[in-house]
Amino acid sequence: MEGTMRIFRLAVLLPLAPVFVSPASAQATAADIVAAHIRSQGYPCDAPQAAKRDSRASRPDEQVWVLTCANARYRVRLVPDMAAAVEQIH
C-alpha cells in the first residue's frame, strides 16, 4: 500500500515541480525521483542526468518520462497503483 501511495504522489506532484522550484532544480529533482523509482524495480541508473516528460506519450493518468542516466536511457511510464513500465532506449 505504501508503494502504491508513493507512485500516486509521484504521478500527481512531479508535473507540479517546476511551479515550486527553479527550472534547473526541477529538472534535477525529476531525474532523481524517476531514477529512484526505477532503481527500486531493479533497473540500474548511475548518476541520473535528466528527466524529460514526454507529453505526446503521456495521458492524464499515465505520465511518461525519458530518463537519461550515465549508463543508460529509459522511457518510464508511471501509472498509479502499478509498477512503472520501464523500457531501455538507445
PDB file of N, CA and C in Angstrom:
ATOM      1  N   MET A   1       0.821  -1.191   0.000  1.00  0.00           N
ATOM      2  CA  MET A   1       0.000   0.000   0.000  1.00  0.00           C
ATOM      3  C   MET A   1       0.872   1.264   0.000  1.00  0.00           C
ATOM      4  N   GLU A   2       1.980   1.227   0.754  1.00  0.00           N
ATOM      5  CA  GLU A   2       2.857   2.391   0.805  1.00  0.00           C
ATOM      6  C   GLU A   2       3.482   2.661  -0.560  1.00  0.00           C
ATOM      7  N   GLY A   3       3.876   1.614  -1.266  1.00  0.00           N
ATOM      8  CA  GLY A   3       4.440   1.770  -2.605  1.00  0.00           C
ATOM      9  C   GLY A   3       3.429   2.365  -3.565  1.00  0.00           C
ATOM     10  N   THR A   4       2.177   1.954  -3.440  1.00  0.00           N
ATOM     11  CA  THR A   4       1.113   2.475  -4.290  1.00  0.00           C
ATOM     12  C   THR A   4       0.925   3.969  -4.059  1.00  0.00           C
ATOM     13  N   MET A   5       0.923   4.372  -2.801  1.00  0.00           N
ATOM     14  CA  MET A   5       0.753   5.792  -2.494  1.00  0.00           C
ATOM     15  C   MET A   5       1.949   6.601  -2.987  1.00  0.00           C
ATOM     16  N   ARG A   6       3.148   6.027  -2.927  1.00  0.00           N
ATOM     17  CA  ARG A   6       4.340   6.729  -3.402  1.00  0.00           C
ATOM     18  C   ARG A   6       4.240   6.974  -4.906  1.00  0.00           C
ATOM     19  N   ILE A   7       3.798   5.966  -5.657  1.00  0.00           N
ATOM     20  CA  ILE A   7       3.635   6.114  -7.103  1.00  0.00           C
ATOM     21  C   ILE A   7       2.575   7.166  -7.405  1.00  0.00           C
ATOM     22  N   PHE A   8       1.463   7.120  -6.675  1.00  0.00           N
ATOM     23  CA  PHE A   8       0.387   8.079  -6.895  1.00  0.00           C
ATOM     24  C   PHE A   8       0.869   9.501  -6.618  1.00  0.00           C
ATOM     25  N   ARG A   9       1.566   9.693  -5.492  1.00  0.00           N
ATOM     26  CA  ARG A   9       2.069  11.038  -5.170  1.00  0.00           C
ATOM     27  C   ARG A   9       3.050  11.515  -6.229  1.00  0.00           C
ATOM     28  N   LEU A  10       3.910  10.612  -6.692  1.00  0.00           N
ATOM     29  CA  LEU A  10       4.881  10.962  -7.729  1.00  0.00           C
ATOM     30  C   LEU A  10       4.167  11.397  -9.002  1.00  0.00           C
ATOM     31  N   ALA A  11       3.178  10.627  -9.429  1.00  0.00           N
ATOM     32  CA  ALA A  11       2.463  10.937 -10.667  1.00  0.00           C
ATOM     33  C   ALA A  11       1.704  12.259 -10.557  1.00  0.00           C
ATOM     34  N   VAL A  12       1.208  12.574  -9.368  1.00  0.00           N
ATOM     35  CA  VAL A  12       0.440  13.804  -9.181  1.00  0.00           C
ATOM     36  C   VAL A  12       1.354  15.015  -8.985  1.00  0.00           C
ATOM     37  N   LEU A  13       2.397  14.874  -8.195  1.00  0.00           N
ATOM     38  CA  LEU A  13       3.225  16.024  -7.825  1.00  0.00           C
ATOM     39  C   LEU A  13       4.361  16.322  -8.789  1.00  0.00           C
ATOM     40  N   LEU A  14       4.876  15.329  -9.490  1.00  0.00           N
ATOM     41  CA  LEU A  14       6.022  15.548 -10.363  1.00  0.00           C
ATOM     42  C   LEU A  14       5.765  16.608 -11.433  1.00  0.00           C
ATOM     43  N   PRO A  15       4.598  16.628 -12.089  1.00  0.00           N
ATOM     44  CA  PRO A  15       4.372  17.691 -13.082  1.00  0.00           C
ATOM     45  C   PRO A  15       4.314  19.090 -12.461  1.00  0.00           C
ATOM     46  N   LEU A  16       4.057  19.178 -11.158  1.00  0.00           N
ATOM     47  CA  LEU A  16       3.977  20.478 -10.491  1.00  0.00           C
ATOM     48  C   LEU A  16       5.326  20.967  -9.991  1.00  0.00           C
ATOM     49  N   ALA A  17       6.359  20.151 -10.044  1.00  0.00           N
ATOM     50  CA  ALA A  17       7.674  20.514  -9.515  1.00  0.00           C
ATOM     51  C   ALA A  17       8.185  21.842 -10.065  1.00  0.00           C
ATOM     52  N   PRO A  18       8.050  22.140 -11.356  1.00  0.00           N
ATOM     53  CA  PRO A  18       8.561  23.421 -11.860  1.00  0.00           C
ATOM     54  C   PRO A  18       7.873  24.635 -11.248  1.00  0.00           C
ATOM     55  N   VAL A  19       6.658  24.476 -10.732  1.00  0.00           N
ATOM     56  CA  VAL A  19       5.943  25.582 -10.117  1.00  0.00           C
ATOM     57  C   VAL A  19       6.596  25.975  -8.796  1.00  0.00           C
ATOM     58  N   PHE A  20       7.138  24.992  -8.075  1.00  0.00           N
ATOM     59  CA  PHE A  20       7.651  25.228  -6.734  1.00  0.00           C
ATOM     60  C   PHE A  20       9.138  25.542  -6.669  1.00  0.00           C
ATOM     61  N   VAL A  21       9.905  25.184  -7.698  1.00  0.00           N
ATOM     62  CA  VAL A  21      11.351  25.397  -7.678  1.00  0.00           C
ATOM     63  C   VAL A  21      11.808  25.938  -9.019  1.00  0.00           C
ATOM     64  N   SER A  22      13.047  26.367  -9.075  1.00  0.00           N
ATOM     65  CA  SER A  22      13.570  26.897 -10.331  1.00  0.00           C
ATOM     66  C   SER A  22      13.651  25.802 -11.385  1.00  0.00           C
ATOM     67  N   PRO A  23      13.643  26.144 -12.676  1.00  0.00           N
ATOM     68  CA  PRO A  23      13.678  25.132 -13.737  1.00  0.00           C
ATOM     69  C   PRO A  23      14.863  24.186 -13.643  1.00  0.00           C
ATOM     70  N   ALA A  24      16.044  24.680 -13.331  1.00  0.00           N
ATOM     71  CA  ALA A  24      17.217  23.799 -13.238  1.00  0.00           C
ATOM     72  C   ALA A  24      17.051  22.811 -12.093  1.00  0.00           C
ATOM     73  N   SER A  25      16.561  23.278 -10.962  1.00  0.00           N
ATOM     74  CA  SER A  25      16.346  22.396  -9.818  1.00  0.00           C
ATOM     75  C   SER A  25      15.239  21.397 -10.095  1.00  0.00           C
ATOM     76  N   ALA A  26      14.185  21.825 -10.775  1.00  0.00           N
ATOM     77  CA  ALA A  26      13.077  20.931 -11.083  1.00  0.00           C
ATOM     78  C   ALA A  26      13.539  19.789 -11.965  1.00  0.00           C
ATOM     79  N   GLN A  27      14.380  20.074 -12.938  1.00  0.00           N
ATOM     80  CA  GLN A  27      14.878  19.032 -13.833  1.00  0.00           C
ATOM     81  C   GLN A  27      15.690  18.020 -13.039  1.00  0.00           C
ATOM     82  N   ALA A  28      16.571  18.490 -12.175  1.00  0.00           N
ATOM     83  CA  ALA A  28      17.384  17.586 -11.357  1.00  0.00           C
ATOM     84  C   ALA A  28      16.498  16.783 -10.421  1.00  0.00           C
ATOM     85  N   THR A  29      15.499  17.408  -9.843  1.00  0.00           N
ATOM     86  CA  THR A  29      14.598  16.720  -8.940  1.00  0.00           C
ATOM     87  C   THR A  29      13.814  15.643  -9.672  1.00  0.00           C
ATOM     88  N   ALA A  30      13.297  15.942 -10.834  1.00  0.00           N
ATOM     89  CA  ALA A  30      12.553  14.947 -11.611  1.00  0.00           C
ATOM     90  C   ALA A  30      13.445  13.762 -11.951  1.00  0.00           C
ATOM     91  N   ALA A  31      14.670  14.018 -12.359  1.00  0.00           N
ATOM     92  CA  ALA A  31      15.600  12.934 -12.695  1.00  0.00           C
ATOM     93  C   ALA A  31      15.877  12.072 -11.476  1.00  0.00           C
ATOM     94  N   ASP A  32      16.102  12.692 -10.332  1.00  0.00           N
ATOM     95  CA  ASP A  32      16.379  11.933  -9.115  1.00  0.00           C
ATOM     96  C   ASP A  32      15.179  11.084  -8.693  1.00  0.00           C
ATOM     97  N   ILE A  33      13.986  11.643  -8.804  1.00  0.00           N
ATOM     98  CA  ILE A  33      12.780  10.922  -8.394  1.00  0.00           C
ATOM     99  C   ILE A  33      12.512   9.739  -9.315  1.00  0.00           C
ATOM    100  N   VAL A  34      12.555   9.966 -10.616  1.00  0.00           N
ATOM    101  CA  VAL A  34      12.290   8.879 -11.567  1.00  0.00           C
ATOM    102  C   VAL A  34      13.381   7.816 -11.461  1.00  0.00           C
ATOM    103  N   ALA A  35      14.634   8.239 -11.294  1.00  0.00           N
ATOM    104  CA  ALA A  35      15.737   7.279 -11.152  1.00  0.00           C
ATOM    105  C   ALA A  35      15.556   6.421  -9.904  1.00  0.00           C
ATOM    106  N   ALA A  36      15.183   7.030  -8.800  1.00  0.00           N
ATOM    107  CA  ALA A  36      14.958   6.260  -7.570  1.00  0.00           C
ATOM    108  C   ALA A  36      13.841   5.243  -7.769  1.00  0.00           C
ATOM    109  N   HIS A  37      12.829   5.645  -8.502  1.00  0.00           N
ATOM    110  CA  HIS A  37      11.699   4.746  -8.739  1.00  0.00           C
ATOM    111  C   HIS A  37      12.116   3.526  -9.561  1.00  0.00           C
ATOM    112  N   ILE A  38      12.857   3.732 -10.637  1.00  0.00           N
ATOM    113  CA  ILE A  38      13.239   2.571 -11.452  1.00  0.00           C
ATOM    114  C   ILE A  38      14.288   1.718 -10.746  1.00  0.00           C
ATOM    115  N   ARG A  39      15.134   2.343  -9.938  1.00  0.00           N
ATOM    116  CA  ARG A  39      16.099   1.559  -9.152  1.00  0.00           C
ATOM    117  C   ARG A  39      15.377   0.625  -8.192  1.00  0.00           C
ATOM    118  N   SER A  40      14.262   1.089  -7.626  1.00  0.00           N
ATOM    119  CA  SER A  40      13.504   0.245  -6.693  1.00  0.00           C
ATOM    120  C   SER A  40      12.917  -0.976  -7.390  1.00  0.00           C
ATOM    121  N   GLN A  41      12.847  -0.927  -8.718  1.00  0.00           N
ATOM    122  CA  GLN A  41      12.362  -2.061  -9.505  1.00  0.00           C
ATOM    123  C   GLN A  41      13.521  -2.874 -10.089  1.00  0.00           C
ATOM    124  N   GLY A  42      14.753  -2.530  -9.724  1.00  0.00           N
ATOM    125  CA  GLY A  42      15.903  -3.318 -10.138  1.00  0.00           C
ATOM    126  C   GLY A  42      16.646  -2.838 -11.367  1.00  0.00           C
ATOM    127  N   TYR A  43      16.281  -1.688 -11.914  1.00  0.00           N
ATOM    128  CA  TYR A  43      16.974  -1.154 -13.093  1.00  0.00           C
ATOM    129  C   TYR A  43      18.154  -0.294 -12.654  1.00  0.00           C
ATOM    130  N   PRO A  44      19.319  -0.454 -13.287  1.00  0.00           N
ATOM    131  CA  PRO A  44      20.470   0.373 -12.914  1.00  0.00           C
ATOM    132  C   PRO A  44      20.366   1.780 -13.514  1.00  0.00           C
ATOM    133  N   CYS A  45      20.668   2.766 -12.703  1.00  0.00           N
ATOM    134  CA  CYS A  45      20.730   4.151 -13.186  1.00  0.00           C
ATOM    135  C   CYS A  45      21.806   4.863 -12.384  1.00  0.00           C
ATOM    136  N   ASP A  46      22.999   4.928 -12.965  1.00  0.00           N
ATOM    137  CA  ASP A  46      24.113   5.611 -12.314  1.00  0.00           C
ATOM    138  C   ASP A  46      24.067   7.089 -12.685  1.00  0.00           C
ATOM    139  N   ALA A  47      24.151   7.939 -11.712  1.00  0.00           N
ATOM    140  CA  ALA A  47      24.203   9.390 -11.912  1.00  0.00           C
ATOM    141  C   ALA A  47      23.113   9.890 -12.854  1.00  0.00           C
ATOM    142  N   PRO A  48      21.851   9.965 -12.375  1.00  0.00           N
ATOM    143  CA  PRO A  48      20.785  10.488 -13.224  1.00  0.00           C
ATOM    144  C   PRO A  48      21.109  11.904 -13.689  1.00  0.00           C
ATOM    145  N   GLN A  49      20.990  12.132 -14.997  1.00  0.00           N
ATOM    146  CA  GLN A  49      21.383  13.416 -15.575  1.00  0.00           C
ATOM    147  C   GLN A  49      20.198  14.289 -15.954  1.00  0.00           C
ATOM    148  N   ALA A  50      19.125  13.682 -16.457  1.00  0.00           N
ATOM    149  CA  ALA A  50      17.961  14.470 -16.881  1.00  0.00           C
ATOM    150  C   ALA A  50      16.735  13.573 -16.963  1.00  0.00           C
ATOM    151  N   ALA A  51      15.589  14.185 -16.758  1.00  0.00           N
ATOM    152  CA  ALA A  51      14.310  13.515 -16.976  1.00  0.00           C
ATOM    153  C   ALA A  51      13.424  14.508 -17.715  1.00  0.00           C
ATOM    154  N   LYS A  52      12.957  14.109 -18.871  1.00  0.00           N
ATOM    155  CA  LYS A  52      12.116  14.986 -19.683  1.00  0.00           C
ATOM    156  C   LYS A  52      10.765  14.310 -19.873  1.00  0.00           C
ATOM    157  N   ARG A  53       9.703  15.039 -19.566  1.00  0.00           N
ATOM    158  CA  ARG A  53       8.361  14.491 -19.720  1.00  0.00           C
ATOM    159  C   ARG A  53       8.027  14.392 -21.198  1.00  0.00           C
ATOM    160  N   ASP A  54       7.523  13.238 -21.612  1.00  0.00           N
ATOM    161  CA  ASP A  54       7.101  13.006 -22.994  1.00  0.00           C
ATOM    162  C   ASP A  54       5.606  13.300 -23.065  1.00  0.00           C
ATOM    163  N   SER A  55       5.269  14.528 -23.443  1.00  0.00           N
ATOM    164  CA  SER A  55       3.862  14.946 -23.430  1.00  0.00           C
ATOM    165  C   SER A  55       3.021  14.212 -24.469  1.00  0.00           C
ATOM    166  N   ARG A  56       3.624  13.796 -25.571  1.00  0.00           N
ATOM    167  CA  ARG A  56       2.868  13.057 -26.592  1.00  0.00           C
ATOM    168  C   ARG A  56       2.457  11.679 -26.107  1.00  0.00           C
ATOM    169  N   ALA A  57       3.335  11.015 -25.377  1.00  0.00           N
ATOM    170  CA  ALA A  57       3.047   9.662 -24.902  1.00  0.00           C
ATOM    171  C   ALA A  57       2.275   9.660 -23.584  1.00  0.00           C
ATOM    172  N   SER A  58       2.308  10.776 -22.848  1.00  0.00           N
ATOM    173  CA  SER A  58       1.630  10.852 -21.554  1.00  0.00           C
ATOM    174  C   SER A  58       0.126  10.983 -21.734  1.00  0.00           C
ATOM    175  N   ARG A  59      -0.581  10.515 -20.718  1.00  0.00           N
ATOM    176  CA  ARG A  59      -2.041  10.665 -20.637  1.00  0.00           C
ATOM    177  C   ARG A  59      -2.342  11.265 -19.270  1.00  0.00           C
ATOM    178  N   PRO A  60      -3.572  11.705 -19.049  1.00  0.00           N
ATOM    179  CA  PRO A  60      -3.872  12.304 -17.743  1.00  0.00           C
ATOM    180  C   PRO A  60      -3.551  11.384 -16.561  1.00  0.00           C
ATOM    181  N   ASP A  61      -3.736  10.087 -16.728  1.00  0.00           N
ATOM    182  CA  ASP A  61      -3.486   9.154 -15.631  1.00  0.00           C
ATOM    183  C   ASP A  61      -2.192   8.360 -15.791  1.00  0.00           C
ATOM    184  N   GLU A  62      -1.389   8.659 -16.808  1.00  0.00           N
ATOM    185  CA  GLU A  62      -0.126   7.961 -17.059  1.00  0.00           C
ATOM    186  C   GLU A  62       0.927   8.961 -17.538  1.00  0.00           C
ATOM    187  N   GLN A  63       1.871   9.270 -16.675  1.00  0.00           N
ATOM    188  CA  GLN A  63       2.959  10.172 -17.042  1.00  0.00           C
ATOM    189  C   GLN A  63       4.090   9.363 -17.664  1.00  0.00           C
ATOM    190  N   VAL A  64       4.639   9.841 -18.773  1.00  0.00           N
ATOM    191  CA  VAL A  64       5.772   9.180 -19.419  1.00  0.00           C
ATOM    192  C   VAL A  64       6.964  10.126 -19.374  1.00  0.00           C
ATOM    193  N   TRP A  65       8.103   9.594 -18.930  1.00  0.00           N
ATOM    194  CA  TRP A  65       9.334  10.361 -18.803  1.00  0.00           C
ATOM    195  C   TRP A  65      10.445   9.655 -19.550  1.00  0.00           C
ATOM    196  N   VAL A  66      11.336  10.425 -20.165  1.00  0.00           N
ATOM    197  CA  VAL A  66      12.562   9.882 -20.741  1.00  0.00           C
ATOM    198  C   VAL A  66      13.666  10.247 -19.752  1.00  0.00           C
ATOM    199  N   LEU A  67      14.255   9.220 -19.156  1.00  0.00           N
ATOM    200  CA  LEU A  67      15.273   9.389 -18.126  1.00  0.00           C
ATOM    201  C   LEU A  67      16.643   9.092 -18.711  1.00  0.00           C
ATOM    202  N   THR A  68      17.566  10.023 -18.555  1.00  0.00           N
ATOM    203  CA  THR A  68      18.943   9.833 -19.012  1.00  0.00           C
ATOM    204  C   THR A  68      19.838   9.659 -17.794  1.00  0.00           C
ATOM    205  N   CYS A  69      20.517   8.514 -17.756  1.00  0.00           N
ATOM    206  CA  CYS A  69      21.478   8.204 -16.696  1.00  0.00           C
ATOM    207  C   CYS A  69      22.856   8.117 -17.333  1.00  0.00           C
ATOM    208  N   ALA A  70      23.894   8.060 -16.518  1.00  0.00           N
ATOM    209  CA  ALA A  70      25.255   7.960 -17.047  1.00  0.00           C
ATOM    210  C   ALA A  70      25.451   6.666 -17.828  1.00  0.00           C
ATOM    211  N   ASN A  71      24.731   5.615 -17.450  1.00  0.00           N
ATOM    212  CA  ASN A  71      24.939   4.305 -18.065  1.00  0.00           C
ATOM    213  C   ASN A  71      23.805   3.845 -18.981  1.00  0.00           C
ATOM    214  N   ALA A  72      22.694   4.570 -19.069  1.00  0.00           N
ATOM    215  CA  ALA A  72      21.566   4.109 -19.887  1.00  0.00           C
ATOM    216  C   ALA A  72      20.527   5.218 -20.044  1.00  0.00           C
ATOM    217  N   ARG A  73      19.610   5.011 -21.013  1.00  0.00           N
ATOM    218  CA  ARG A  73      18.430   5.881 -21.181  1.00  0.00           C
ATOM    219  C   ARG A  73      17.201   4.995 -21.097  1.00  0.00           C
ATOM    220  N   TYR A  74      16.155   5.512 -20.451  1.00  0.00           N
ATOM    221  CA  TYR A  74      14.937   4.741 -20.252  1.00  0.00           C
ATOM    222  C   TYR A  74      13.718   5.580 -20.603  1.00  0.00           C
ATOM    223  N   ARG A  75      12.682   4.912 -21.086  1.00  0.00           N
ATOM    224  CA  ARG A  75      11.348   5.507 -21.184  1.00  0.00           C
ATOM    225  C   ARG A  75      10.560   4.883 -20.036  1.00  0.00           C
ATOM    226  N   VAL A  76      10.055   5.732 -19.153  1.00  0.00           N
ATOM    227  CA  VAL A  76       9.398   5.267 -17.936  1.00  0.00           C
ATOM    228  C   VAL A  76       7.953   5.741 -17.946  1.00  0.00           C
ATOM    229  N   ARG A  77       7.026   4.795 -17.883  1.00  0.00           N
ATOM    230  CA  ARG A  77       5.593   5.111 -17.822  1.00  0.00           C
ATOM    231  C   ARG A  77       5.133   4.886 -16.388  1.00  0.00           C
ATOM    232  N   LEU A  78       4.723   5.975 -15.719  1.00  0.00           N
ATOM    233  CA  LEU A  78       4.268   5.911 -14.335  1.00  0.00           C
ATOM    234  C   LEU A  78       2.751   5.836 -14.308  1.00  0.00           C
ATOM    235  N   VAL A  79       2.251   4.751 -13.745  1.00  0.00           N
ATOM    236  CA  VAL A  79       0.814   4.513 -13.664  1.00  0.00           C
ATOM    237  C   VAL A  79       0.460   4.333 -12.189  1.00  0.00           C
ATOM    238  N   PRO A  80      -0.495   5.101 -11.663  1.00  0.00           N
ATOM    239  CA  PRO A  80      -0.877   4.928 -10.262  1.00  0.00           C
ATOM    240  C   PRO A  80      -1.322   3.492  -9.978  1.00  0.00           C
ATOM    241  N   ASP A  81      -0.983   3.007  -8.794  1.00  0.00           N
ATOM    242  CA  ASP A  81      -1.358   1.672  -8.317  1.00  0.00           C
ATOM    243  C   ASP A  81      -0.710   0.532  -9.086  1.00  0.00           C
ATOM    244  N   MET A  82       0.314   0.807  -9.877  1.00  0.00           N
ATOM    245  CA  MET A  82       1.008  -0.240 -10.629  1.00  0.00           C
ATOM    246  C   MET A  82       2.504   0.057 -10.638  1.00  0.00           C
ATOM    247  N   ALA A  83       3.291  -0.971 -10.934  1.00  0.00           N
ATOM    248  CA  ALA A  83       4.726  -0.756 -11.122  1.00  0.00           C
ATOM    249  C   ALA A  83       4.925   0.054 -12.400  1.00  0.00           C
ATOM    250  N   ALA A  84       5.997   0.803 -12.451  1.00  0.00           N
ATOM    251  CA  ALA A  84       6.303   1.578 -13.656  1.00  0.00           C
ATOM    252  C   ALA A  84       6.668   0.633 -14.793  1.00  0.00           C
ATOM    253  N   ALA A  85       6.272   1.015 -15.997  1.00  0.00           N
ATOM    254  CA  ALA A  85       6.698   0.281 -17.191  1.00  0.00           C
ATOM    255  C   ALA A  85       7.993   0.941 -17.653  1.00  0.00           C
ATOM    256  N   VAL A  86       9.074   0.179 -17.665  1.00  0.00           N
ATOM    257  CA  VAL A  86      10.398   0.720 -17.974  1.00  0.00           C
ATOM    258  C   VAL A  86      10.923   0.052 -19.231  1.00  0.00           C
ATOM    259  N   GLU A  87      11.368   0.881 -20.174  1.00  0.00           N
ATOM    260  CA  GLU A  87      11.929   0.385 -21.435  1.00  0.00           C
ATOM    261  C   GLU A  87      13.268   1.081 -21.656  1.00  0.00           C
ATOM    262  N   GLN A  88      14.319   0.294 -21.846  1.00  0.00           N
ATOM    263  CA  GLN A  88      15.621   0.898 -22.146  1.00  0.00           C
ATOM    264  C   GLN A  88      15.623   1.327 -23.605  1.00  0.00           C
ATOM    265  N   ILE A  89      16.066   2.559 -23.862  1.00  0.00           N
ATOM    266  CA  ILE A  89      16.110   3.073 -25.229  1.00  0.00           C
ATOM    267  C   ILE A  89      17.542   3.440 -25.583  1.00  0.00           C
ATOM    268  N   HIS A  90      17.822   3.497 -26.865  1.00  0.00           N
ATOM    269  CA  HIS A  90      19.190   3.774 -27.326  1.00  0.00           C
ATOM    270  C   HIS A  90      19.256   5.102 -28.034  1.00  0.00           C
TER     271      HIS A  90
END
